[in-house]
Amino acid sequence: MGAKRRRLRARALRKSFELKSVANRTEALKATDILCFATLRNEKVRLEYFLQYYRKLGVNHFLIVDNDSNDGSREYLAEQPDVSLWSTPKSYKRAQYGADWLNYLLFRYGRNHWCVTVDVDEFLVYPFCDTRGLGALTDWLDTSSIRSFSAMQLDMYPKGPLDAVPYRSGQDPFEIANWFDSGNYTYKMNQRFGNLWIQGGPRARYFFPDEPENAPALNKIPLVKWKRGYVYCSSTHMLLPRGLNLVYESWGGEKTSGCLMHAKFLDNFEQKAKEELVRKEHFSNSVEYRSYAEGSIQTPDLWTDWSEKYINWRQLEILGLMSKGNWA
């Protein structure tokens, strides 16, 4: 594991030469700032609400890699005073699906900061998030000597065809995609890295009904008090050193955890799936997007009679999808 960690750090340093600075405002960072890291391509319609959401939650600065957008994303982000932006036309796949680029930025700028690493369609929800910002959560994590915080990705979807209601820039996506699967999740231990591997939800049942073991992983560790030797190994699913992946209690109790509400399933989903299928820049030769495109021949309706309508974080805790643990 130590050798793998060193190789991943070396990869990140090599891949840093692929990044061109567009707007570097990191000289303004303060020691106590909470940082948000992301990589994206052609997500202009999502950016206004994404930035607004995490600013309100307590993020002080965003460090973002734009992967050759042509929809105005780069220009929009460059204008934001709390965003530092890098761009690259290089292969997302060959950068370990963006992990190399983000590992470099985390190494260069994230050290000793609490860092949120998410996609721009992922929104962190945690216990008491309606009344306590990220600063309160990270203060408690520091006091409790907890270095990493887990959040299960929760796929959200509308009732009815995905393209029935158009999404507009700046809108809360969960005004449209406000349903989720409350069950049908599987958990297993990844013995090598020590993390839990979670699969299921609407992507497994709709797009992978015959091969649920090939459905995307839902386990994420998006919030970390970053140190010099840390690296993400596979998106934000797991990290090295291995101890950062121990975000659960092996004796049967529950550690504090959250959910990443995932706003992938909006009206532009089919277009994005077909675009990414052509680019072939995603995991396992874009098998996930092949399944999406095949399922999108008729516009998907992911809603079922067992779907649950989202209310608040307390509902997710009652359903066992997140836990407040010892944080009261």
Protein backbone atom coordinates (compact mmCIF):
# COMPACT_ATOMS: atom_id res chain seq x y z
CA MET A 1 0.00 0.00 0.00
CA GLY A 2 2.89 2.36 0.77
CA ALA A 3 4.40 1.75 -2.67
CA LYS A 4 1.02 2.26 -4.35
CA ARG A 5 0.55 5.53 -2.51
CA ARG A 6 3.96 6.77 -3.68
CA ARG A 7 3.16 5.79 -7.26
CA LEU A 8 -0.13 7.66 -7.15
CA ARG A 9 1.57 10.77 -5.79
CA ALA A 10 4.20 10.54 -8.54
CA ARG A 11 1.44 10.19 -11.16
CA ALA A 12 -0.30 13.27 -9.80
CA LEU A 13 2.90 15.31 -9.99
CA ARG A 14 3.49 14.24 -13.60
CA LYS A 15 -0.10 14.97 -14.56
CA SER A 16 0.14 18.44 -13.01
CA PHE A 17 1.99 19.54 -16.17
CA GLU A 18 -1.27 19.00 -18.08
CA LEU A 19 -2.97 21.75 -16.08
CA LYS A 20 -2.95 25.34 -17.27
CA SER A 21 -3.81 28.01 -14.72
CA VAL A 22 -6.75 30.16 -15.79
CA ALA A 23 -7.38 32.04 -12.52
CA ASN A 24 -5.25 31.22 -9.48
CA ARG A 25 -6.51 33.05 -6.41
CA THR A 26 -4.99 30.69 -3.83
CA GLU A 27 -2.82 33.44 -2.35
CA ALA A 28 -5.98 34.58 -0.55
CA LEU A 29 -6.42 31.25 1.29
CA LYS A 30 -6.53 31.38 5.08
CA ALA A 31 -5.37 28.55 7.34
CA THR A 32 -8.91 27.86 8.55
CA ASP A 33 -10.59 27.91 5.12
CA ILE A 34 -12.69 24.94 4.02
CA LEU A 35 -11.90 24.11 0.39
CA CYS A 36 -13.90 22.42 -2.35
CA PHE A 37 -12.24 20.51 -5.22
CA ALA A 38 -13.95 19.38 -8.43
CA THR A 39 -13.32 18.51 -12.05
CA LEU A 40 -15.93 19.07 -14.74
CA ARG A 41 -16.74 19.31 -18.42
CA ASN A 42 -19.66 21.25 -19.92
CA GLU A 43 -21.61 21.81 -16.71
CA LYS A 44 -22.45 25.51 -17.06
CA VAL A 45 -26.15 24.97 -16.32
CA ARG A 46 -25.29 23.44 -12.92
CA LEU A 47 -22.61 25.83 -11.71
CA GLU A 48 -24.65 28.69 -10.28
CA TYR A 49 -26.55 26.49 -7.82
CA PHE A 50 -23.52 24.31 -7.07
CA LEU A 51 -21.45 27.30 -5.97
CA GLN A 52 -24.36 28.84 -4.09
CA TYR A 53 -25.06 25.59 -2.21
CA TYR A 54 -21.51 25.03 -1.00
CA ARG A 55 -20.92 28.70 -0.21
CA LYS A 56 -23.97 28.61 2.05
CA LEU A 57 -22.72 25.39 3.63
CA GLY A 58 -19.42 27.06 4.53
CA VAL A 59 -16.93 26.45 1.71
CA ASN A 60 -14.54 29.40 1.48
CA HIS A 61 -12.76 28.62 -1.80
CA PHE A 62 -13.23 26.37 -4.84
CA LEU A 63 -10.36 24.75 -6.76
CA ILE A 64 -11.68 23.42 -10.07
CA VAL A 65 -10.29 21.68 -13.14
CA ASP A 66 -12.16 22.35 -16.37
CA ASN A 67 -11.66 19.50 -18.86
CA ASP A 68 -12.01 21.34 -22.17
CA SER A 69 -15.53 22.71 -21.78
CA ASN A 70 -17.09 24.52 -24.75
CA ASP A 71 -20.37 25.62 -23.14
CA GLY A 72 -19.10 28.67 -21.22
CA SER A 73 -18.25 26.81 -17.98
CA ARG A 74 -14.63 27.98 -18.01
CA GLU A 75 -15.51 31.62 -18.66
CA TYR A 76 -18.19 31.62 -15.94
CA LEU A 77 -15.89 30.09 -13.33
CA ALA A 78 -13.01 32.42 -14.17
CA GLU A 79 -15.21 35.37 -13.15
CA GLN A 80 -15.99 34.02 -9.67
CA PRO A 81 -13.85 35.70 -6.97
CA ASP A 82 -13.74 32.59 -4.73
CA VAL A 83 -12.76 30.17 -7.53
CA SER A 84 -9.27 29.13 -8.62
CA LEU A 85 -9.45 27.48 -12.02
CA TRP A 86 -7.22 25.26 -14.12
CA SER A 87 -8.00 23.89 -17.57
CA THR A 88 -6.78 20.94 -19.62
CA PRO A 89 -7.71 19.35 -22.95
CA LYS A 90 -5.99 16.10 -21.93
CA SER A 91 -7.67 12.73 -21.38
CA TYR A 92 -9.88 12.45 -18.31
CA LYS A 93 -9.53 8.67 -18.50
CA ARG A 94 -5.72 8.75 -18.61
CA ALA A 95 -5.71 11.03 -15.58
CA GLN A 96 -7.42 8.23 -13.62
CA TYR A 97 -10.80 9.81 -14.32
CA GLY A 98 -9.61 13.16 -12.99
CA ALA A 99 -8.16 11.79 -9.75
CA ASP A 100 -4.57 12.60 -10.78
CA TRP A 101 -5.41 16.26 -11.36
CA LEU A 102 -7.31 16.58 -8.08
CA ASN A 103 -4.66 14.67 -6.12
CA TYR A 104 -2.13 17.22 -7.32
CA LEU A 105 -4.29 20.20 -6.33
CA LEU A 106 -5.04 18.59 -2.96
CA PHE A 107 -1.31 17.99 -2.43
CA ARG A 108 -0.40 21.54 -3.47
CA TYR A 109 -3.17 23.53 -1.81
CA GLY A 110 -5.23 21.25 0.44
CA ARG A 111 -2.70 20.38 3.12
CA ASN A 112 -4.00 21.02 6.65
CA HIS A 113 -7.37 22.15 5.30
CA TRP A 114 -10.69 20.33 5.49
CA CYS A 115 -11.35 19.53 1.83
CA VAL A 116 -14.64 18.68 0.15
CA THR A 117 -14.07 16.72 -3.10
CA VAL A 118 -17.23 16.26 -5.15
CA ASP A 119 -18.69 16.32 -8.64
CA VAL A 120 -20.80 19.34 -9.53
CA ASP A 121 -23.96 17.21 -9.41
CA GLU A 122 -23.27 16.02 -5.83
CA PHE A 123 -24.60 17.89 -2.80
CA LEU A 124 -23.43 16.97 0.68
CA VAL A 125 -26.12 16.47 3.32
CA TYR A 126 -25.18 15.55 6.89
CA PRO A 127 -26.82 15.56 10.34
CA PHE A 128 -27.97 19.04 11.38
CA CYS A 129 -26.88 20.56 8.04
CA ASP A 130 -30.01 22.72 8.12
CA THR A 131 -28.73 24.53 11.24
CA ARG A 132 -24.98 23.79 11.41
CA GLY A 133 -22.51 24.67 8.68
CA LEU A 134 -19.46 22.71 7.63
CA GLY A 135 -17.37 24.65 10.13
CA ALA A 136 -19.36 23.17 13.02
CA LEU A 137 -19.00 19.67 11.57
CA THR A 138 -15.26 19.96 10.96
CA ASP A 139 -14.69 21.48 14.42
CA TRP A 140 -16.39 18.43 15.94
CA LEU A 141 -14.42 16.06 13.70
CA ASP A 142 -11.18 17.77 14.76
CA THR A 143 -12.12 17.51 18.43
CA SER A 144 -12.97 13.84 17.94
CA SER A 145 -9.68 13.15 16.08
CA ILE A 146 -11.62 12.01 13.00
CA ARG A 147 -9.77 12.65 9.74
CA SER A 148 -12.32 11.54 7.12
CA PHE A 149 -16.09 11.67 6.74
CA SER A 150 -18.17 9.33 4.59
CA ALA A 151 -21.33 9.97 2.60
CA MET A 152 -23.33 7.47 0.59
CA GLN A 153 -24.21 8.72 -2.87
CA LEU A 154 -27.99 8.90 -3.10
CA ASP A 155 -29.34 9.01 -6.65
CA MET A 156 -32.27 11.41 -6.89
CA TYR A 157 -34.82 11.38 -9.71
CA PRO A 158 -38.16 12.95 -10.68
CA LYS A 159 -41.54 11.27 -10.84
CA GLY A 160 -42.14 10.66 -14.53
CA PRO A 161 -39.85 10.85 -17.59
CA LEU A 162 -36.54 12.59 -16.95
CA ASP A 163 -37.13 15.14 -19.70
CA ALA A 164 -40.64 16.10 -18.58
CA VAL A 165 -39.51 19.16 -16.58
CA PRO A 166 -36.60 21.27 -17.88
CA TYR A 167 -33.92 22.32 -15.41
CA ARG A 168 -32.92 25.99 -15.46
CA SER A 169 -29.62 27.48 -14.33
CA GLY A 170 -29.61 28.49 -10.66
CA GLN A 171 -32.53 26.25 -9.74
CA ASP A 172 -32.39 23.80 -6.85
CA PRO A 173 -32.28 20.48 -8.80
CA PHE A 174 -34.15 18.74 -5.99
CA GLU A 175 -37.25 20.76 -6.77
CA ILE A 176 -37.44 18.42 -9.78
CA ALA A 177 -35.46 15.32 -8.77
CA ASN A 178 -36.93 14.82 -5.30
CA TRP A 179 -37.43 11.02 -5.16
CA PHE A 180 -34.99 8.26 -4.19
CA ASP A 181 -34.77 4.53 -3.44
CA SER A 182 -34.97 3.94 0.31
CA GLY A 183 -33.79 0.32 0.10
CA ASN A 184 -32.26 -2.21 -2.34
CA TYR A 185 -28.65 -1.44 -1.38
CA THR A 186 -25.88 -4.00 -0.90
CA TYR A 187 -22.81 -3.61 1.29
CA LYS A 188 -19.60 -5.61 1.23
CA MET A 189 -16.10 -5.20 2.58
CA ASN A 190 -13.20 -4.36 0.29
CA GLN A 191 -10.53 -6.38 2.05
CA ARG A 192 -7.63 -4.73 0.26
CA PHE A 193 -8.45 -1.13 1.11
CA GLY A 194 -10.62 -1.66 4.18
CA ASN A 195 -13.59 0.35 2.89
CA LEU A 196 -17.23 -0.61 2.46
CA TRP A 197 -18.41 -1.09 -1.14
CA ILE A 198 -22.04 -0.01 -1.63
CA GLN A 199 -24.16 -0.61 -4.73
CA GLY A 200 -27.84 -0.42 -5.59
CA GLY A 201 -30.48 2.26 -6.00
CA PRO A 202 -32.15 3.24 -9.27
CA ARG A 203 -29.02 2.83 -11.39
CA ALA A 204 -28.65 -0.82 -10.36
CA ARG A 205 -32.32 -1.74 -10.79
CA TYR A 206 -32.99 0.18 -14.02
CA PHE A 207 -29.72 0.13 -15.98
CA PHE A 208 -28.10 -3.03 -14.57
CA PRO A 209 -31.05 -5.35 -13.75
CA ASP A 210 -29.22 -8.48 -14.90
CA GLU A 211 -25.75 -7.49 -13.66
CA PRO A 212 -26.23 -5.50 -10.44
CA GLU A 213 -22.63 -6.27 -9.47
CA ASN A 214 -21.55 -3.98 -12.36
CA ALA A 215 -23.60 -1.04 -11.09
CA PRO A 216 -21.67 2.06 -9.98
CA ALA A 217 -20.27 2.22 -6.45
CA LEU A 218 -22.14 4.53 -4.08
CA ASN A 219 -19.62 4.68 -1.22
CA LYS A 220 -17.80 8.03 -1.06
CA ILE A 221 -15.42 9.80 1.33
CA PRO A 222 -15.85 13.41 0.20
CA LEU A 223 -14.64 15.28 3.31
CA VAL A 224 -11.05 14.85 4.51
CA LYS A 225 -8.61 16.81 6.70
CA TRP A 226 -5.91 16.65 4.06
CA LYS A 227 -2.29 15.80 4.81
CA ARG A 228 0.76 15.70 2.58
CA GLY A 229 0.83 11.92 2.03
CA TYR A 230 -2.86 11.38 1.27
CA VAL A 231 -4.18 10.29 -2.15
CA TYR A 232 -7.52 9.29 -3.60
CA CYS A 233 -7.28 5.90 -5.33
CA SER A 234 -10.57 5.61 -7.20
CA SER A 235 -12.59 8.78 -7.53
CA THR A 236 -13.58 9.54 -3.91
CA HIS A 237 -14.49 5.91 -3.19
CA MET A 238 -11.31 5.21 -1.20
CA LEU A 239 -8.03 6.72 -0.09
CA LEU A 240 -4.56 5.87 1.06
CA PRO A 241 -3.41 5.50 3.79
CA ARG A 242 -5.99 2.73 4.38
CA GLY A 243 -6.95 4.07 7.81
CA LEU A 244 -8.84 6.92 6.14
CA ASN A 245 -11.32 4.36 4.78
CA LEU A 246 -12.40 3.18 8.25
CA VAL A 247 -15.47 5.40 8.30
CA TYR A 248 -17.70 2.79 9.94
CA GLU A 249 -17.76 0.90 13.25
CA SER A 250 -16.76 -2.75 12.87
CA TRP A 251 -18.31 -3.67 16.23
CA GLY A 252 -21.82 -2.79 15.07
CA GLY A 253 -22.24 0.82 16.10
CA GLU A 254 -22.50 3.73 13.68
CA LYS A 255 -20.09 6.57 12.98
CA THR A 256 -21.42 9.93 11.95
CA SER A 257 -21.99 9.98 8.20
CA GLY A 258 -23.88 11.84 5.50
CA CYS A 259 -25.29 11.48 2.02
CA LEU A 260 -24.24 12.94 -1.31
CA MET A 261 -27.51 13.76 -3.01
CA HIS A 262 -26.85 13.07 -6.67
CA ALA A 263 -28.62 15.25 -9.24
CA LYS A 264 -27.52 13.33 -12.34
CA PHE A 265 -31.04 12.50 -13.51
CA LEU A 266 -32.38 15.72 -14.99
CA ASP A 267 -33.65 16.56 -18.46
CA ASN A 268 -30.15 16.72 -20.01
CA PHE A 269 -29.26 13.20 -18.83
CA GLU A 270 -29.84 11.41 -22.15
CA GLN A 271 -27.78 13.98 -24.07
CA LYS A 272 -24.89 13.72 -21.57
CA ALA A 273 -24.96 9.92 -21.64
CA LYS A 274 -24.73 9.80 -25.41
CA GLU A 275 -21.95 12.40 -25.47
CA GLU A 276 -19.87 10.48 -22.94
CA LEU A 277 -20.47 7.23 -24.79
CA VAL A 278 -18.84 8.75 -27.87
CA ARG A 279 -15.93 10.22 -25.88
CA LYS A 280 -15.24 6.90 -24.07
CA GLU A 281 -13.51 8.75 -21.25
CA HIS A 282 -15.23 6.97 -18.36
CA PHE A 283 -14.56 3.86 -16.33
CA SER A 284 -14.42 0.37 -17.88
CA ASN A 285 -14.71 1.63 -21.46
CA SER A 286 -17.81 3.65 -20.53
CA VAL A 287 -19.85 0.54 -19.66
CA GLU A 288 -22.01 2.67 -17.35
CA TYR A 289 -22.85 5.10 -20.14
CA ARG A 290 -23.50 2.28 -22.62
CA SER A 291 -26.13 1.00 -20.20
CA TYR A 292 -27.55 4.51 -19.86
CA ALA A 293 -27.73 5.07 -23.61
CA GLU A 294 -29.41 1.71 -24.17
CA GLY A 295 -31.87 2.47 -21.38
CA SER A 296 -32.53 5.90 -22.85
CA ILE A 297 -33.94 4.67 -26.14
CA GLN A 298 -37.20 5.41 -24.39
CA THR A 299 -36.70 8.28 -21.97
CA PRO A 300 -36.27 6.68 -18.53
CA ASP A 301 -38.84 6.92 -15.79
CA LEU A 302 -37.01 5.76 -12.67
CA TRP A 303 -39.95 6.23 -10.31
CA THR A 304 -41.64 3.16 -8.80
CA ASP A 305 -44.34 2.55 -6.21
CA TRP A 306 -41.53 2.01 -3.69
CA SER A 307 -39.87 5.36 -4.34
CA GLU A 308 -39.56 7.73 -1.38
CA LYS A 309 -40.01 11.49 -1.62
CA TYR A 310 -37.22 13.49 0.01
CA ILE A 311 -38.10 15.61 3.05
CA ASN A 312 -34.92 16.31 5.01
CA TRP A 313 -31.79 14.76 6.53
CA ARG A 314 -33.72 13.33 9.48
CA GLN A 315 -35.70 11.17 7.07
CA LEU A 316 -32.42 9.79 5.68
CA GLU A 317 -31.23 9.00 9.21
CA ILE A 318 -34.47 7.16 10.05
CA LEU A 319 -34.06 5.09 6.89
CA GLY A 320 -30.50 4.17 7.88
CA LEU A 321 -28.86 5.93 4.92
CA MET A 322 -26.84 8.23 7.18
CA SER A 323 -26.15 8.55 10.90
CA LYS A 324 -25.51 11.28 13.43
CA GLY A 325 -23.52 8.80 15.52
CA ASN A 326 -22.01 10.57 18.53
CA TRP A 327 -22.59 14.06 17.13
CA ALA A 328 -25.53 15.52 18.98
